[in-house]
Amino acid sequence: MAPTEATPRPARLPRNERREQLLDVAAGLILEKGTEAVTMEGVAAAAGVSKGLGYAYFANSSTLLRALLEREVRKLQASIMEALGRETTFEGKLRATVRAWFDSLAEQGVLLGHLLVASRNEGPHVEARNAYNRNNDDFWAGMAQRELGVPIERGRIAARILLSGLEGLVQRWQCGDSREDLEEVFVQMAMGGLERLRA
């Protein structure tokens, strides 16, 4: 009887590297098939590890999605904060944010968009998404109040509407509209609307 070939075992990685690998694999599945494709079994299989190993890092697919969302948000926020630091006006900061959003999409595909509009309606992933949205709303509402005189509650409503509109920018970009045109229309609409909301 001929000896059977042993299945090669996955290389042992340091804990942090293995965690990042699992997140990278989940990101690939999302870009290929959507967030519903992210199961513990699917991620483990795509990573070439046992399902049990996946559970050593994440309690379930929802906590894995939350960790992935938090990682992608940290990257985006770092690039936005760097861009904001170079601007002095509200309009300049808004333009810098839109550019950073486009740059993030160009670099990471539509991963962050998938994560933010994921259809799962419960669990830690949704809590992270909602916390991200609240923080953004508060940040922009506070800035609109300080720099433009927009009442804070109206500013929060406006911020959520405007930030939700970034998804529309992505869709128009995918249809072939230029970044420059999309940025200009978005900023002009945002500034015009905020001017009307001044106290």
Foldseek 3Di string as FASTA:
>chain_A
DDDDDDDDADDDDPPVVVLVQLLVLQLVCCVVPRNVCQWLCNSCVSSRHDSVVSCVRAVTSLRSLQVSLVVLVVVLVVQLVVQCVVDDALLSSLLSSLVSVVVSCVVSPCSNVRQLVPPDDDDDSVVSSVVVLQVQLQVQLVCLCVRPQAPSVVSSVLRSVLVVCSVVLVVVVVVPDDSVVSSVVSSVVSVVVSNVRHD
